[in-house]
Amino acid sequence: MARALVLEERNRLSLREIALPDTPGPGEVAIAVKVVGICGSDVHYYTHGRIGPFVVEAPMVLGHEAAGIVTALGEGVTGLAVGDRVCMEPGIPDTTSKASKLGVYNVDPSVRFWATPPIHGCLTPVVIHPAAFTYRLPDHVSLAEGAMVEPFAIGMQAAARARIRPGDVALVTGAGPIGVMTALAALAGGCARVFVSDLVADKLAIAGGFDGITAIDAGRDDPAQVVADATGGWGADVVFECAGAAPAIQTALRAVAPAGCVVWVGMPVDPVPFDLVLAQSKEIRMETVFRYANMYDRAIQVIGSGRIDLKRLITATYPFDDAVAAFDRAVEARPTDVKIQITMD
């Protein structure tokens, strides 16, 4: 039995003992979890009990953004050692599936993803995880930063899907955690300038505090027009739609340049109208993002290079004993909050 933060049912969390694996099998490692970030999906399961077809029908341990220290190795594990500081990719695919063989294991229907029903997450002192999806952190990258690799990998996936060319101008709609991560990934990927639009001034202040990012108050200015004015009327080479809201989707189509690219990152709760004729008239390329594949190594390299500082996005840290309070704060969705983390010590 292990102590864990358990979602008992919608709107009810508890810190209690629950039966979880504690011994690594072949190809697995045991990891003492040290830092876990709270993701919007964790909060959504807490408040709604479901995300699309994934429904919480039994008690489930939350958490999937994590870093820790290897404490034991299973048979056959090489490349990792006890004491290594690591972060863990939370999606475990079927390595024999067609999706895995094609290198797109993120869309494998049989993937087992932490804290996605019925799979338990990592808000517990020890987890057992495949060594193949456990990554050593550089010595100068903190465990708190290691727990940020998971959301940053989404931004990296978006940047890779965009096929950025050096000097591109990008617009990101939505200045939430994933929007800011995507903007930073776009800069690391070669964009010369990234605009970020949102309706919330506090979020824009955080995003605009990074070099290379220009904030746009979408409640005051039209993001598509701002980008057009800055590009001689041409528009954004790449637009990353990270808000998942109908108005932002239309803004993305208006803002993108002819023959440009729109990457759909945000997920609307309900179906939204889509101006297909506008998209066709510009002959734009469109890409979609669902989690990430083969991005953890790249994300760690970018973070380790010092080109971006994700520590600035960590708003608050709570001890494990106060994990319920941490989630309740995340539910508040304070405009100045970006990432809330929980420490396990």
Protein backbone atom coordinates (compact mmCIF):
# COMPACT_ATOMS: atom_id res chain seq x y z
CA MET A 1 0.00 0.00 0.00
CA ALA A 2 1.17 3.54 -0.74
CA ARG A 3 -0.08 6.98 0.19
CA ALA A 4 -1.41 8.86 -2.82
CA LEU A 5 -3.66 11.70 -3.91
CA VAL A 6 -6.78 9.87 -5.05
CA LEU A 7 -9.69 11.24 -7.02
CA GLU A 8 -12.49 9.27 -5.36
CA GLU A 9 -15.20 10.72 -7.58
CA ARG A 10 -16.05 14.04 -9.17
CA ASN A 11 -15.25 16.93 -6.77
CA ARG A 12 -13.80 14.64 -4.07
CA LEU A 13 -10.08 14.15 -3.46
CA SER A 14 -8.37 12.38 -0.60
CA LEU A 15 -4.85 11.58 0.58
CA ARG A 16 -4.98 7.93 1.54
CA GLU A 17 -3.42 4.50 1.20
CA ILE A 18 -4.00 2.63 -2.04
CA ALA A 19 -2.52 -0.50 -3.58
CA LEU A 20 0.08 0.41 -6.20
CA PRO A 21 3.05 -1.46 -7.73
CA ASP A 22 6.31 -0.99 -5.81
CA THR A 23 8.79 -3.42 -7.41
CA PRO A 24 10.23 -2.93 -10.90
CA GLY A 25 9.91 -5.78 -13.36
CA PRO A 26 12.14 -6.45 -16.36
CA GLY A 27 12.85 -3.23 -18.25
CA GLU A 28 11.39 -1.09 -15.48
CA VAL A 29 12.75 1.26 -12.80
CA ALA A 30 11.49 2.40 -9.43
CA ILE A 31 11.49 6.17 -8.99
CA ALA A 32 11.12 8.24 -5.84
CA VAL A 33 8.82 10.98 -7.06
CA LYS A 34 10.00 14.43 -5.97
CA VAL A 35 7.98 17.02 -7.94
CA VAL A 36 4.62 16.78 -9.71
CA GLY A 37 2.95 19.56 -11.68
CA ILE A 38 -0.80 20.06 -11.80
CA CYS A 39 -2.14 19.96 -15.35
CA GLY A 40 -5.43 21.29 -16.68
CA SER A 41 -6.52 17.73 -17.45
CA ASP A 42 -6.00 16.76 -13.79
CA VAL A 43 -8.20 19.68 -12.77
CA HIS A 44 -10.82 18.79 -15.37
CA TYR A 45 -11.09 15.22 -14.07
CA TYR A 46 -11.43 16.66 -10.56
CA THR A 47 -14.21 19.07 -11.47
CA HIS A 48 -16.01 17.16 -14.23
CA GLY A 49 -15.13 13.51 -13.69
CA ARG A 50 -14.45 12.99 -17.38
CA ILE A 51 -12.72 14.28 -20.49
CA GLY A 52 -14.57 13.19 -23.61
CA PRO A 53 -14.77 9.39 -23.61
CA PHE A 54 -12.44 9.04 -20.62
CA VAL A 55 -14.67 8.75 -17.55
CA VAL A 56 -13.57 8.31 -13.93
CA GLU A 57 -15.53 5.23 -12.88
CA ALA A 58 -13.27 4.13 -10.00
CA PRO A 59 -10.83 5.86 -7.61
CA MET A 60 -7.81 7.10 -9.56
CA VAL A 61 -4.45 8.57 -8.53
CA LEU A 62 -3.90 11.93 -10.24
CA GLY A 63 -0.75 13.53 -11.70
CA HIS A 64 1.34 13.00 -14.84
CA GLU A 65 3.96 15.80 -14.91
CA ALA A 66 6.75 14.42 -12.75
CA ALA A 67 10.44 14.20 -11.92
CA GLY A 68 12.25 12.15 -9.31
CA ILE A 69 15.23 9.95 -8.45
CA VAL A 70 15.81 6.35 -9.55
CA THR A 71 15.85 4.01 -6.54
CA ALA A 72 15.90 0.54 -8.12
CA LEU A 73 16.46 -1.12 -11.49
CA GLY A 74 14.57 -4.04 -12.95
CA GLU A 75 16.22 -6.87 -14.83
CA GLY A 76 17.89 -5.86 -18.08
CA VAL A 77 17.84 -2.11 -17.51
CA THR A 78 20.86 -0.27 -18.90
CA GLY A 79 21.57 3.42 -19.35
CA LEU A 80 20.15 4.38 -15.97
CA ALA A 81 21.57 4.01 -12.46
CA VAL A 82 20.28 4.26 -8.93
CA GLY A 83 20.51 7.90 -7.90
CA ASP A 84 19.89 9.33 -11.36
CA ARG A 85 17.68 12.41 -11.44
CA VAL A 86 15.02 11.79 -14.07
CA CYS A 87 11.73 12.85 -15.56
CA MET A 88 9.17 10.39 -16.87
CA GLU A 89 7.14 10.41 -20.07
CA PRO A 90 3.64 9.51 -18.84
CA GLY A 91 2.30 7.79 -21.97
CA ILE A 92 3.26 4.12 -22.32
CA PRO A 93 2.35 2.75 -25.75
CA ASP A 94 2.11 -0.79 -27.00
CA THR A 95 5.52 -1.06 -28.64
CA THR A 96 4.20 -3.74 -31.02
CA SER A 97 1.35 -1.56 -32.32
CA LYS A 98 1.24 -0.10 -35.82
CA ALA A 99 1.26 3.44 -34.36
CA SER A 100 4.46 2.72 -32.44
CA LYS A 101 6.13 1.16 -35.48
CA LEU A 102 5.24 4.28 -37.47
CA GLY A 103 6.75 6.51 -34.76
CA VAL A 104 3.41 8.10 -33.81
CA TYR A 105 2.86 6.28 -30.55
CA ASN A 106 1.05 9.31 -29.10
CA VAL A 107 -2.01 8.32 -31.16
CA ASP A 108 -1.78 4.63 -30.27
CA PRO A 109 -5.34 3.67 -29.16
CA SER A 110 -3.86 1.30 -26.57
CA VAL A 111 -1.51 3.84 -24.95
CA ARG A 112 -1.58 3.78 -21.15
CA PHE A 113 -1.30 7.37 -19.94
CA TRP A 114 -0.86 8.35 -16.31
CA ALA A 115 -4.02 9.77 -14.70
CA THR A 116 -6.21 8.96 -17.69
CA PRO A 117 -8.93 6.51 -16.60
CA PRO A 118 -8.41 3.80 -15.61
CA ILE A 119 -4.63 4.30 -15.29
CA HIS A 120 -3.28 5.63 -12.00
CA GLY A 121 -1.07 8.73 -12.05
CA CYS A 122 2.10 9.63 -10.18
CA LEU A 123 1.03 11.67 -7.12
CA THR A 124 2.48 9.07 -4.79
CA PRO A 125 5.97 8.69 -3.28
CA VAL A 126 7.16 5.85 -5.56
CA VAL A 127 6.24 4.88 -9.11
CA ILE A 128 7.26 1.99 -11.33
CA HIS A 129 7.92 3.04 -14.91
CA PRO A 130 9.48 1.64 -18.10
CA ALA A 131 13.14 2.60 -18.38
CA ALA A 132 12.57 3.39 -22.07
CA PHE A 133 10.33 6.29 -21.08
CA THR A 134 12.49 7.54 -18.20
CA TYR A 135 14.98 10.30 -19.02
CA ARG A 136 18.06 11.45 -17.12
CA LEU A 137 18.17 15.18 -16.42
CA PRO A 138 21.31 17.28 -16.90
CA ASP A 139 23.00 18.09 -13.60
CA HIS A 140 22.15 21.80 -13.86
CA VAL A 141 18.43 21.21 -14.56
CA SER A 142 16.37 21.14 -11.37
CA LEU A 143 13.74 18.54 -10.56
CA ALA A 144 11.14 21.31 -10.69
CA GLU A 145 12.22 22.03 -14.26
CA GLY A 146 12.19 18.30 -14.94
CA ALA A 147 8.51 18.23 -14.02
CA MET A 148 7.95 20.94 -16.66
CA VAL A 149 9.30 18.78 -19.49
CA GLU A 150 5.88 17.16 -20.02
CA PRO A 151 3.95 20.35 -20.85
CA PHE A 152 6.93 21.78 -22.73
CA ALA A 153 6.98 18.64 -24.88
CA ILE A 154 3.52 19.63 -26.15
CA GLY A 155 4.91 22.97 -27.26
CA MET A 156 7.83 21.18 -28.89
CA GLN A 157 5.44 18.86 -30.70
CA ALA A 158 3.53 21.88 -32.00
CA ALA A 159 6.71 23.59 -33.18
CA ALA A 160 7.85 20.43 -34.94
CA ARG A 161 4.49 20.00 -36.65
CA ALA A 162 4.70 23.60 -37.88
CA ARG A 163 7.97 22.92 -39.76
CA ILE A 164 9.26 26.33 -38.73
CA ARG A 165 11.77 28.01 -41.01
CA PRO A 166 14.39 30.36 -39.55
CA GLY A 167 12.99 33.87 -39.40
CA ASP A 168 9.31 32.90 -39.36
CA VAL A 169 6.81 35.15 -37.58
CA ALA A 170 4.30 33.29 -35.42
CA LEU A 171 1.09 34.05 -33.57
CA VAL A 172 -0.03 32.01 -30.56
CA THR A 173 -3.68 32.41 -29.58
CA GLY A 174 -4.08 31.77 -25.86
CA ALA A 175 -1.58 32.67 -23.14
CA GLY A 176 -2.26 29.77 -20.81
CA PRO A 177 0.53 27.38 -19.77
CA ILE A 178 0.50 25.49 -23.08
CA GLY A 179 0.29 28.71 -25.08
CA VAL A 180 3.37 30.13 -23.37
CA MET A 181 5.21 26.80 -23.70
CA THR A 182 4.37 26.73 -27.41
CA ALA A 183 5.58 30.31 -27.89
CA LEU A 184 8.90 29.45 -26.23
CA ALA A 185 9.23 26.29 -28.32
CA ALA A 186 8.54 28.33 -31.48
CA LEU A 187 11.35 30.72 -30.58
CA ALA A 188 13.69 27.82 -29.87
CA GLY A 189 12.65 26.30 -33.20
CA GLY A 190 13.75 29.33 -35.21
CA CYS A 191 10.95 31.90 -35.17
CA ALA A 192 12.29 35.45 -35.21
CA ARG A 193 9.27 36.87 -33.43
CA VAL A 194 6.23 35.41 -31.69
CA PHE A 195 3.02 37.26 -30.91
CA VAL A 196 0.78 35.90 -28.13
CA SER A 197 -2.86 36.98 -27.80
CA ASP A 198 -5.25 36.60 -24.89
CA LEU A 199 -8.04 38.45 -23.07
CA VAL A 200 -6.39 38.31 -19.62
CA ALA A 201 -3.84 41.04 -18.88
CA ASP A 202 -2.06 39.08 -16.14
CA LYS A 203 -1.41 36.16 -18.49
CA LEU A 204 -0.18 38.48 -21.19
CA ALA A 205 2.21 40.15 -18.76
CA ILE A 206 3.81 36.77 -18.04
CA ALA A 207 4.08 35.80 -21.71
CA GLY A 208 5.33 39.21 -22.76
CA GLY A 209 8.08 39.08 -20.16
CA PHE A 210 10.10 36.71 -22.35
CA ASP A 211 12.45 38.10 -24.98
CA GLY A 212 11.07 37.65 -28.48
CA ILE A 213 7.41 37.52 -27.40
CA THR A 214 4.99 40.39 -28.04
CA ALA A 215 1.73 40.33 -26.11
CA ILE A 216 -1.57 41.33 -27.74
CA ASP A 217 -4.65 42.22 -25.67
CA ALA A 218 -7.37 40.58 -27.77
CA GLY A 219 -10.04 42.49 -25.87
CA ARG A 220 -8.60 45.76 -27.13
CA ASP A 221 -6.79 44.97 -30.38
CA ASP A 222 -7.49 42.56 -33.21
CA PRO A 223 -4.58 40.06 -33.18
CA ALA A 224 -4.89 39.40 -36.91
CA GLN A 225 -4.62 43.11 -37.65
CA VAL A 226 -1.69 43.60 -35.27
CA VAL A 227 0.23 40.81 -36.98
CA ALA A 228 -0.71 42.12 -40.42
CA ASP A 229 0.55 45.60 -39.50
CA ALA A 230 3.83 44.11 -38.27
CA THR A 231 4.37 42.06 -41.43
CA GLY A 232 3.50 44.54 -44.14
CA GLY A 233 0.03 43.07 -44.50
CA TRP A 234 1.27 39.53 -45.11
CA GLY A 235 0.31 37.80 -41.85
CA ALA A 236 1.85 35.15 -39.63
CA ASP A 237 3.88 32.38 -41.25
CA VAL A 238 2.65 30.08 -38.50
CA VAL A 239 -0.32 30.35 -36.14
CA PHE A 240 -0.57 28.10 -33.09
CA GLU A 241 -4.16 27.98 -31.83
CA CYS A 242 -3.88 27.16 -28.11
CA ALA A 243 -7.10 28.63 -26.72
CA GLY A 244 -9.60 26.08 -28.00
CA ALA A 245 -12.29 28.78 -28.28
CA ALA A 246 -14.39 29.56 -31.35
CA PRO A 247 -13.33 33.24 -31.67
CA ALA A 248 -9.65 32.28 -31.45
CA ILE A 249 -10.10 29.66 -34.16
CA GLN A 250 -11.46 32.30 -36.52
CA THR A 251 -8.63 34.65 -35.52
CA ALA A 252 -6.12 31.95 -36.44
CA LEU A 253 -7.57 31.59 -39.93
CA ARG A 254 -7.63 35.35 -40.45
CA ALA A 255 -4.12 35.91 -39.10
CA VAL A 256 -2.25 33.22 -41.01
CA ALA A 257 -0.43 34.28 -44.17
CA PRO A 258 -1.23 32.82 -47.58
CA ALA A 259 0.32 29.35 -47.84
CA GLY A 260 1.10 29.58 -44.12
CA CYS A 261 0.44 26.97 -41.45
CA VAL A 262 -2.08 26.73 -38.61
CA VAL A 263 -1.30 24.24 -35.85
CA TRP A 264 -4.34 23.27 -33.79
CA VAL A 265 -3.19 22.72 -30.21
CA GLY A 266 -6.14 23.79 -28.04
CA MET A 267 -9.08 21.40 -27.70
CA PRO A 268 -12.57 22.95 -27.74
CA VAL A 269 -15.02 21.38 -25.30
CA ASP A 270 -17.73 21.31 -27.98
CA PRO A 271 -17.66 21.38 -31.80
CA VAL A 272 -16.98 24.87 -33.17
CA PRO A 273 -17.75 26.61 -36.50
CA PHE A 274 -14.91 26.52 -38.99
CA ASP A 275 -14.48 28.84 -41.98
CA LEU A 276 -13.28 26.31 -44.51
CA VAL A 277 -13.56 28.69 -47.46
CA LEU A 278 -11.20 31.18 -45.79
CA ALA A 279 -8.71 28.38 -45.18
CA GLN A 280 -9.03 27.22 -48.79
CA SER A 281 -8.68 30.71 -50.22
CA LYS A 282 -5.25 31.01 -48.60
CA GLU A 283 -4.34 27.39 -49.33
CA ILE A 284 -2.99 27.07 -45.82
CA ARG A 285 -1.50 23.94 -44.35
CA MET A 286 -3.12 22.67 -41.16
CA GLU A 287 -1.58 20.40 -38.53
CA THR A 288 -3.01 18.91 -35.34
CA VAL A 289 -1.34 18.11 -32.03
CA PHE A 290 -2.25 15.36 -29.57
CA ARG A 291 0.28 15.07 -26.76
CA TYR A 292 3.74 14.31 -28.27
CA ALA A 293 5.98 11.57 -29.62
CA ASN A 294 9.78 11.38 -29.49
CA MET A 295 9.96 14.87 -27.96
CA TYR A 296 11.26 14.31 -24.43
CA ASP A 297 14.93 14.10 -25.43
CA ARG A 298 14.60 17.25 -27.52
CA ALA A 299 12.69 19.13 -24.82
CA ILE A 300 15.34 18.26 -22.22
CA GLN A 301 18.10 19.40 -24.57
CA VAL A 302 16.41 22.77 -25.14
CA ILE A 303 15.82 23.29 -21.41
CA GLY A 304 19.37 22.20 -20.62
CA SER A 305 20.79 24.63 -23.19
CA GLY A 306 19.61 27.55 -21.06
CA ARG A 307 17.81 29.16 -24.01
CA ILE A 308 14.54 29.23 -22.08
CA ASP A 309 13.80 29.61 -18.39
CA LEU A 310 10.78 27.54 -17.41
CA LYS A 311 11.35 28.24 -13.71
CA ARG A 312 9.68 31.61 -14.29
CA LEU A 313 6.44 29.78 -15.02
CA ILE A 314 6.29 27.99 -11.67
CA THR A 315 3.86 30.10 -9.67
CA ALA A 316 3.49 28.16 -6.43
CA THR A 317 4.75 24.98 -4.77
CA TYR A 318 2.77 22.97 -2.20
CA PRO A 319 3.92 20.06 -0.01
CA PHE A 320 2.30 16.69 -0.64
CA ASP A 321 0.34 16.94 2.61
CA ASP A 322 -1.39 20.00 1.14
CA ALA A 323 -2.05 18.45 -2.27
CA VAL A 324 -5.82 18.86 -1.98
CA ALA A 325 -5.36 22.57 -1.27
CA ALA A 326 -3.05 22.80 -4.29
CA PHE A 327 -5.76 21.34 -6.51
CA ASP A 328 -8.39 23.63 -5.05
CA ARG A 329 -6.18 26.58 -5.91
CA ALA A 330 -5.74 25.23 -9.44
CA VAL A 331 -9.52 25.06 -9.75
CA GLU A 332 -9.68 28.79 -8.96
CA ALA A 333 -7.70 29.46 -12.15
CA ARG A 334 -6.17 32.65 -10.82
CA PRO A 335 -5.04 34.80 -13.76
CA THR A 336 -1.54 35.16 -12.30
CA ASP A 337 -1.07 31.39 -11.91
CA VAL A 338 0.77 29.46 -14.61
CA LYS A 339 2.06 26.22 -13.11
CA ILE A 340 1.40 24.90 -9.62
CA GLN A 341 3.62 22.10 -8.41
CA ILE A 342 3.54 19.62 -5.54
CA THR A 343 6.72 18.43 -3.80
CA MET A 344 6.74 14.92 -2.35
CA ASP A 345 9.42 15.37 0.36
